[in-house]
N, C-alpha and C. Protein backbone atom coordinates (compact mmCIF):
# COMPACT_ATOMS: atom_id res chain seq x y z
N MET A 1 -13.67 37.15 37.57
CA MET A 1 -14.55 36.57 36.56
C MET A 1 -13.74 35.65 35.65
N SER A 2 -14.31 34.54 35.31
CA SER A 2 -13.71 33.60 34.38
C SER A 2 -14.65 33.44 33.20
N ALA A 3 -14.10 33.42 32.01
CA ALA A 3 -14.94 33.28 30.81
C ALA A 3 -14.37 32.17 29.93
N ASN A 4 -15.25 31.46 29.28
CA ASN A 4 -14.86 30.43 28.34
C ASN A 4 -15.37 30.81 26.95
N LEU A 5 -14.48 30.77 25.98
CA LEU A 5 -14.89 30.99 24.60
C LEU A 5 -15.64 29.74 24.15
N TYR A 6 -16.91 29.90 23.79
CA TYR A 6 -17.70 28.72 23.45
C TYR A 6 -18.18 28.68 22.00
N ARG A 7 -18.15 29.82 21.29
CA ARG A 7 -18.59 29.82 19.90
C ARG A 7 -17.91 30.94 19.13
N VAL A 8 -17.54 30.63 17.87
CA VAL A 8 -16.96 31.61 16.96
C VAL A 8 -17.78 31.58 15.68
N ILE A 9 -18.25 32.74 15.23
CA ILE A 9 -19.00 32.82 13.98
C ILE A 9 -18.00 32.95 12.83
N HIS A 10 -18.18 32.10 11.83
CA HIS A 10 -17.31 32.09 10.65
C HIS A 10 -18.18 32.38 9.43
N PRO A 11 -17.98 33.52 8.77
CA PRO A 11 -18.84 33.90 7.65
C PRO A 11 -18.58 33.05 6.41
N VAL A 12 -19.66 32.58 5.78
CA VAL A 12 -19.56 31.83 4.54
C VAL A 12 -20.63 32.32 3.57
N LYS A 13 -20.38 32.09 2.29
CA LYS A 13 -21.35 32.53 1.27
C LYS A 13 -22.26 31.40 0.80
N ASP A 14 -21.95 30.17 1.17
CA ASP A 14 -22.77 29.02 0.79
C ASP A 14 -22.66 27.98 1.89
N ILE A 15 -23.73 27.82 2.66
CA ILE A 15 -23.70 26.95 3.83
C ILE A 15 -23.47 25.49 3.44
N GLU A 16 -23.95 25.07 2.27
CA GLU A 16 -23.76 23.68 1.85
C GLU A 16 -22.29 23.39 1.56
N ILE A 17 -21.63 24.29 0.84
CA ILE A 17 -20.20 24.13 0.56
C ILE A 17 -19.41 24.17 1.87
N ALA A 18 -19.76 25.08 2.75
CA ALA A 18 -19.06 25.19 4.04
C ALA A 18 -19.21 23.92 4.86
N ALA A 19 -20.42 23.38 4.92
CA ALA A 19 -20.66 22.17 5.69
C ALA A 19 -19.85 21.00 5.14
N ARG A 20 -19.80 20.85 3.82
CA ARG A 20 -19.02 19.76 3.22
C ARG A 20 -17.52 19.95 3.48
N PHE A 21 -17.04 21.18 3.27
CA PHE A 21 -15.61 21.47 3.46
C PHE A 21 -15.17 21.18 4.90
N PHE A 22 -15.85 21.78 5.88
CA PHE A 22 -15.43 21.61 7.26
C PHE A 22 -15.71 20.20 7.78
N SER A 23 -16.75 19.53 7.27
CA SER A 23 -16.97 18.13 7.64
C SER A 23 -15.79 17.27 7.22
N THR A 24 -15.28 17.53 6.01
CA THR A 24 -14.14 16.78 5.50
C THR A 24 -12.88 17.09 6.30
N VAL A 25 -12.60 18.36 6.47
CA VAL A 25 -11.35 18.78 7.12
C VAL A 25 -11.34 18.46 8.61
N LEU A 26 -12.45 18.66 9.28
CA LEU A 26 -12.51 18.43 10.73
C LEU A 26 -12.91 16.99 11.09
N GLU A 27 -13.23 16.21 10.08
CA GLU A 27 -13.60 14.80 10.25
C GLU A 27 -14.78 14.62 11.20
N THR A 28 -15.78 15.46 11.05
CA THR A 28 -17.03 15.35 11.81
C THR A 28 -18.13 15.98 10.97
N GLU A 29 -19.33 15.44 11.09
CA GLU A 29 -20.45 15.95 10.29
C GLU A 29 -20.96 17.30 10.79
N GLY A 30 -20.77 17.57 12.06
CA GLY A 30 -21.33 18.81 12.60
C GLY A 30 -22.84 18.70 12.67
N GLU A 31 -23.49 19.84 12.85
CA GLU A 31 -24.95 19.86 13.01
C GLU A 31 -25.53 21.12 12.38
N ARG A 32 -26.52 20.94 11.51
CA ARG A 32 -27.25 22.09 10.95
C ARG A 32 -28.23 22.56 12.00
N VAL A 33 -28.11 23.81 12.43
CA VAL A 33 -28.98 24.32 13.49
C VAL A 33 -30.01 25.31 12.97
N SER A 34 -29.83 25.77 11.74
CA SER A 34 -30.80 26.63 11.07
C SER A 34 -30.47 26.56 9.58
N PRO A 35 -31.29 27.12 8.72
CA PRO A 35 -30.98 27.04 7.29
C PRO A 35 -29.62 27.63 6.91
N GLY A 36 -29.11 28.58 7.70
CA GLY A 36 -27.85 29.22 7.37
C GLY A 36 -26.75 29.05 8.40
N ARG A 37 -26.92 28.12 9.32
CA ARG A 37 -25.90 27.90 10.36
C ARG A 37 -25.62 26.40 10.48
N HIS A 38 -24.33 26.09 10.47
CA HIS A 38 -23.89 24.71 10.67
C HIS A 38 -22.80 24.75 11.73
N TYR A 39 -23.02 24.01 12.81
CA TYR A 39 -22.12 24.03 13.96
C TYR A 39 -21.19 22.82 13.96
N PHE A 40 -19.94 23.06 14.34
CA PHE A 40 -18.95 22.02 14.54
C PHE A 40 -18.35 22.18 15.92
N ASP A 41 -18.41 21.13 16.73
CA ASP A 41 -17.81 21.17 18.06
C ASP A 41 -16.31 20.93 17.91
N CYS A 42 -15.54 21.92 18.23
CA CYS A 42 -14.07 21.85 18.14
C CYS A 42 -13.49 21.85 19.55
N GLY A 43 -13.62 20.73 20.22
CA GLY A 43 -13.07 20.60 21.57
C GLY A 43 -13.74 21.49 22.59
N GLY A 44 -15.02 21.71 22.45
CA GLY A 44 -15.76 22.53 23.41
C GLY A 44 -16.04 23.94 22.92
N THR A 45 -15.40 24.38 21.86
CA THR A 45 -15.71 25.66 21.24
C THR A 45 -16.39 25.35 19.91
N ILE A 46 -17.52 25.99 19.66
CA ILE A 46 -18.29 25.74 18.45
C ILE A 46 -17.80 26.65 17.33
N LEU A 47 -17.46 26.04 16.19
CA LEU A 47 -17.25 26.78 14.96
C LEU A 47 -18.62 26.87 14.31
N ALA A 48 -19.16 28.08 14.22
CA ALA A 48 -20.49 28.30 13.67
C ALA A 48 -20.35 28.90 12.27
N CYS A 49 -20.45 28.05 11.25
CA CYS A 49 -20.45 28.55 9.87
C CYS A 49 -21.79 29.24 9.67
N TYR A 50 -21.75 30.47 9.18
CA TYR A 50 -22.96 31.30 9.10
C TYR A 50 -23.09 31.92 7.71
N ASP A 51 -24.18 31.58 7.04
CA ASP A 51 -24.55 32.12 5.73
C ASP A 51 -25.78 32.99 5.94
N PRO A 52 -25.62 34.33 6.05
CA PRO A 52 -26.75 35.19 6.36
C PRO A 52 -27.90 35.06 5.36
N ALA A 53 -27.59 34.95 4.07
CA ALA A 53 -28.65 34.86 3.06
C ALA A 53 -29.50 33.61 3.28
N ALA A 54 -28.87 32.48 3.59
CA ALA A 54 -29.61 31.24 3.81
C ALA A 54 -30.49 31.32 5.05
N ASP A 55 -30.10 32.15 6.01
CA ASP A 55 -30.91 32.34 7.22
C ASP A 55 -31.95 33.44 7.04
N GLY A 56 -31.96 34.09 5.89
CA GLY A 56 -32.91 35.17 5.65
C GLY A 56 -32.50 36.48 6.28
N ASP A 57 -31.22 36.60 6.64
CA ASP A 57 -30.71 37.82 7.26
C ASP A 57 -30.12 38.75 6.21
N ASP A 58 -30.17 40.03 6.50
CA ASP A 58 -29.56 41.04 5.63
C ASP A 58 -28.05 40.98 5.80
N PRO A 59 -27.31 40.80 4.71
CA PRO A 59 -25.85 40.73 4.85
C PRO A 59 -25.20 42.08 5.12
N GLY A 60 -25.98 43.15 5.09
CA GLY A 60 -25.42 44.47 5.35
C GLY A 60 -24.31 44.80 4.36
N ASP A 61 -23.21 45.32 4.85
CA ASP A 61 -22.07 45.66 4.00
C ASP A 61 -21.19 44.45 3.70
N GLY A 62 -21.61 43.29 4.12
CA GLY A 62 -20.80 42.10 3.93
C GLY A 62 -19.88 41.90 5.12
N TRP A 63 -19.21 40.81 5.11
CA TRP A 63 -18.36 40.45 6.23
C TRP A 63 -17.06 39.93 5.67
N ARG A 64 -15.99 40.61 6.00
CA ARG A 64 -14.69 40.23 5.47
C ARG A 64 -13.68 40.08 6.60
N HIS A 65 -12.91 39.01 6.50
CA HIS A 65 -11.82 38.81 7.44
C HIS A 65 -10.64 39.68 7.02
N HIS A 66 -9.88 40.12 7.98
CA HIS A 66 -8.59 40.73 7.70
C HIS A 66 -7.67 39.62 7.24
N GLN A 67 -6.69 39.91 6.42
CA GLN A 67 -5.79 38.88 5.89
C GLN A 67 -5.04 38.11 6.97
N SER A 68 -4.90 38.69 8.15
CA SER A 68 -4.20 38.00 9.24
C SER A 68 -5.14 37.53 10.34
N GLN A 69 -6.43 37.53 10.08
CA GLN A 69 -7.43 37.15 11.09
C GLN A 69 -7.78 35.67 10.92
N TYR A 70 -6.89 34.81 11.35
CA TYR A 70 -7.04 33.37 11.18
C TYR A 70 -7.86 32.74 12.29
N LEU A 71 -8.55 31.65 11.95
CA LEU A 71 -9.04 30.70 12.94
C LEU A 71 -7.96 29.64 13.03
N TYR A 72 -7.54 29.29 14.23
CA TYR A 72 -6.49 28.30 14.43
C TYR A 72 -7.10 27.02 15.00
N PHE A 73 -6.79 25.90 14.37
CA PHE A 73 -7.27 24.60 14.81
C PHE A 73 -6.07 23.73 15.18
N ALA A 74 -6.14 23.05 16.32
CA ALA A 74 -5.11 22.08 16.71
C ALA A 74 -5.59 20.71 16.25
N VAL A 75 -4.72 19.99 15.53
CA VAL A 75 -5.09 18.68 14.99
C VAL A 75 -4.00 17.65 15.29
N ALA A 76 -4.41 16.39 15.33
CA ALA A 76 -3.48 15.31 15.63
C ALA A 76 -2.57 14.98 14.46
N ASP A 77 -3.09 15.07 13.24
CA ASP A 77 -2.31 14.70 12.06
C ASP A 77 -2.25 15.88 11.10
N LEU A 78 -1.24 16.70 11.25
CA LEU A 78 -1.11 17.92 10.46
C LEU A 78 -0.96 17.62 8.97
N ASP A 79 -0.19 16.61 8.64
CA ASP A 79 0.03 16.28 7.23
C ASP A 79 -1.27 15.84 6.55
N ALA A 80 -2.05 15.00 7.22
CA ALA A 80 -3.33 14.55 6.67
C ALA A 80 -4.31 15.70 6.53
N THR A 81 -4.30 16.62 7.50
CA THR A 81 -5.19 17.77 7.43
C THR A 81 -4.81 18.67 6.27
N CYS A 82 -3.53 18.87 6.05
CA CYS A 82 -3.07 19.68 4.93
C CYS A 82 -3.55 19.08 3.61
N LYS A 83 -3.46 17.79 3.49
CA LYS A 83 -3.93 17.10 2.28
C LYS A 83 -5.44 17.24 2.13
N ALA A 84 -6.17 17.12 3.24
CA ALA A 84 -7.64 17.23 3.21
C ALA A 84 -8.10 18.62 2.77
N ILE A 85 -7.37 19.66 3.18
CA ILE A 85 -7.72 21.03 2.78
C ILE A 85 -7.76 21.13 1.26
N ALA A 86 -6.71 20.69 0.61
CA ALA A 86 -6.63 20.78 -0.84
C ALA A 86 -7.71 19.93 -1.51
N GLU A 87 -7.92 18.72 -1.00
CA GLU A 87 -8.92 17.82 -1.58
C GLU A 87 -10.34 18.33 -1.39
N ALA A 88 -10.59 19.09 -0.33
CA ALA A 88 -11.93 19.58 -0.02
C ALA A 88 -12.26 20.92 -0.69
N GLY A 89 -11.31 21.49 -1.41
CA GLY A 89 -11.58 22.75 -2.11
C GLY A 89 -10.99 23.98 -1.47
N GLY A 90 -10.12 23.80 -0.50
CA GLY A 90 -9.43 24.93 0.11
C GLY A 90 -8.13 25.21 -0.62
N GLU A 91 -7.40 26.18 -0.12
CA GLU A 91 -6.13 26.59 -0.73
C GLU A 91 -5.06 26.69 0.34
N ILE A 92 -3.96 26.00 0.16
CA ILE A 92 -2.83 26.12 1.08
C ILE A 92 -2.09 27.40 0.70
N THR A 93 -1.93 28.31 1.65
CA THR A 93 -1.24 29.57 1.37
C THR A 93 0.18 29.60 1.93
N ALA A 94 0.46 28.73 2.90
CA ALA A 94 1.82 28.57 3.43
C ALA A 94 1.96 27.13 3.90
N GLU A 95 2.92 26.43 3.34
CA GLU A 95 3.14 25.02 3.64
C GLU A 95 3.52 24.82 5.11
N ILE A 96 3.49 23.57 5.54
CA ILE A 96 3.84 23.23 6.92
C ILE A 96 5.26 23.73 7.23
N ALA A 97 5.37 24.41 8.36
CA ALA A 97 6.65 24.96 8.81
C ALA A 97 6.69 24.95 10.33
N SER A 98 7.88 25.04 10.88
CA SER A 98 8.05 25.16 12.33
C SER A 98 8.32 26.63 12.66
N MET A 99 7.56 27.14 13.60
CA MET A 99 7.68 28.54 14.01
C MET A 99 8.73 28.68 15.12
N PRO A 100 9.30 29.88 15.29
CA PRO A 100 10.30 30.10 16.34
C PRO A 100 9.80 29.77 17.75
N TRP A 101 8.49 29.87 17.99
CA TRP A 101 7.93 29.59 19.31
C TRP A 101 7.59 28.11 19.47
N GLY A 102 7.91 27.28 18.44
CA GLY A 102 7.81 25.83 18.56
C GLY A 102 6.63 25.17 17.87
N GLU A 103 5.67 25.95 17.40
CA GLU A 103 4.53 25.33 16.73
C GLU A 103 4.89 24.84 15.33
N ARG A 104 4.35 23.69 14.98
CA ARG A 104 4.41 23.18 13.61
C ARG A 104 3.04 23.50 13.02
N ILE A 105 3.01 24.27 11.91
CA ILE A 105 1.79 24.95 11.49
C ILE A 105 1.74 25.09 9.96
N PHE A 106 0.52 25.23 9.42
CA PHE A 106 0.37 25.68 8.04
C PHE A 106 -0.83 26.61 7.95
N TYR A 107 -0.85 27.42 6.90
CA TYR A 107 -1.91 28.40 6.68
C TYR A 107 -2.65 28.07 5.39
N ALA A 108 -3.96 28.37 5.39
CA ALA A 108 -4.79 28.03 4.24
C ALA A 108 -5.95 29.03 4.14
N LYS A 109 -6.76 28.84 3.12
CA LYS A 109 -8.02 29.56 2.97
C LYS A 109 -9.11 28.54 2.72
N ASP A 110 -10.29 28.81 3.29
CA ASP A 110 -11.42 27.95 3.02
C ASP A 110 -11.96 28.28 1.62
N PRO A 111 -12.99 27.59 1.13
CA PRO A 111 -13.47 27.86 -0.23
C PRO A 111 -13.98 29.29 -0.47
N PHE A 112 -14.16 30.07 0.59
CA PHE A 112 -14.66 31.43 0.48
C PHE A 112 -13.56 32.47 0.63
N GLY A 113 -12.32 32.00 0.77
CA GLY A 113 -11.18 32.89 0.92
C GLY A 113 -10.89 33.30 2.35
N ASN A 114 -11.62 32.75 3.32
CA ASN A 114 -11.38 33.08 4.72
C ASN A 114 -10.09 32.42 5.20
N PRO A 115 -9.24 33.15 5.93
CA PRO A 115 -7.98 32.59 6.42
C PRO A 115 -8.20 31.60 7.57
N ILE A 116 -7.59 30.41 7.44
CA ILE A 116 -7.64 29.39 8.48
C ILE A 116 -6.24 28.82 8.65
N SER A 117 -5.97 28.26 9.82
CA SER A 117 -4.64 27.72 10.10
C SER A 117 -4.78 26.47 10.94
N PHE A 118 -3.83 25.55 10.77
CA PHE A 118 -3.84 24.29 11.51
C PHE A 118 -2.48 24.07 12.13
N VAL A 119 -2.49 23.62 13.40
CA VAL A 119 -1.28 23.43 14.18
C VAL A 119 -1.25 21.99 14.70
N ASP A 120 -0.08 21.38 14.66
CA ASP A 120 0.11 20.06 15.26
C ASP A 120 -0.21 20.20 16.75
N GLN A 121 -1.21 19.45 17.22
CA GLN A 121 -1.66 19.62 18.61
C GLN A 121 -0.57 19.37 19.64
N SER A 122 0.45 18.60 19.29
CA SER A 122 1.54 18.35 20.24
C SER A 122 2.49 19.54 20.35
N THR A 123 2.32 20.56 19.50
CA THR A 123 3.21 21.72 19.52
C THR A 123 2.48 23.03 19.83
N VAL A 124 1.21 22.97 20.19
CA VAL A 124 0.42 24.19 20.43
C VAL A 124 1.08 25.04 21.51
N PHE A 125 1.21 26.33 21.21
CA PHE A 125 1.79 27.30 22.13
C PHE A 125 0.70 28.31 22.46
N THR A 126 0.39 28.50 23.74
CA THR A 126 -0.66 29.44 24.13
C THR A 126 -0.11 30.64 24.90
N GLY A 127 1.18 30.83 24.87
CA GLY A 127 1.79 31.96 25.56
C GLY A 127 2.65 31.47 26.71
N SER A 128 3.72 32.20 26.99
CA SER A 128 4.65 31.76 28.02
C SER A 128 4.01 31.73 29.40
N SER A 129 3.01 32.59 29.67
CA SER A 129 2.38 32.60 30.98
C SER A 129 1.53 31.33 31.18
N ALA A 130 1.07 30.71 30.08
CA ALA A 130 0.27 29.49 30.20
C ALA A 130 1.10 28.32 30.70
N SER A 131 2.40 28.35 30.46
CA SER A 131 3.25 27.23 30.88
C SER A 131 3.88 27.48 32.25
N ALA A 132 3.65 28.63 32.82
CA ALA A 132 4.26 28.96 34.11
C ALA A 132 3.52 28.36 35.27
């Protein structure tokens, strides 16, 4: 069996703020697919920003990311993306650095405190078995 990851749900508390933030950072308008969902095509995988209240859904106990549960995005211009995060209302939590496995990367939070990360696409590492 072969499977392709095609969509990731990203919890947000305000779909309008999320749409503006990710439109700025990802340099694409995305698409509003319901009152509480805004989709961004990230190279064939959809980032689905989801605001349960705006969709009329019960938020239940809420939805919280673990502090190390990042969404990782590969981008062509890491420096420009880092600048865009701050300008769009995000927070840089770790400046651009080179990792021992070769990735050039930085860590941030979106306006809702969700952990996100950006990697220079020319340095993306997907595991040693991927290069074999």
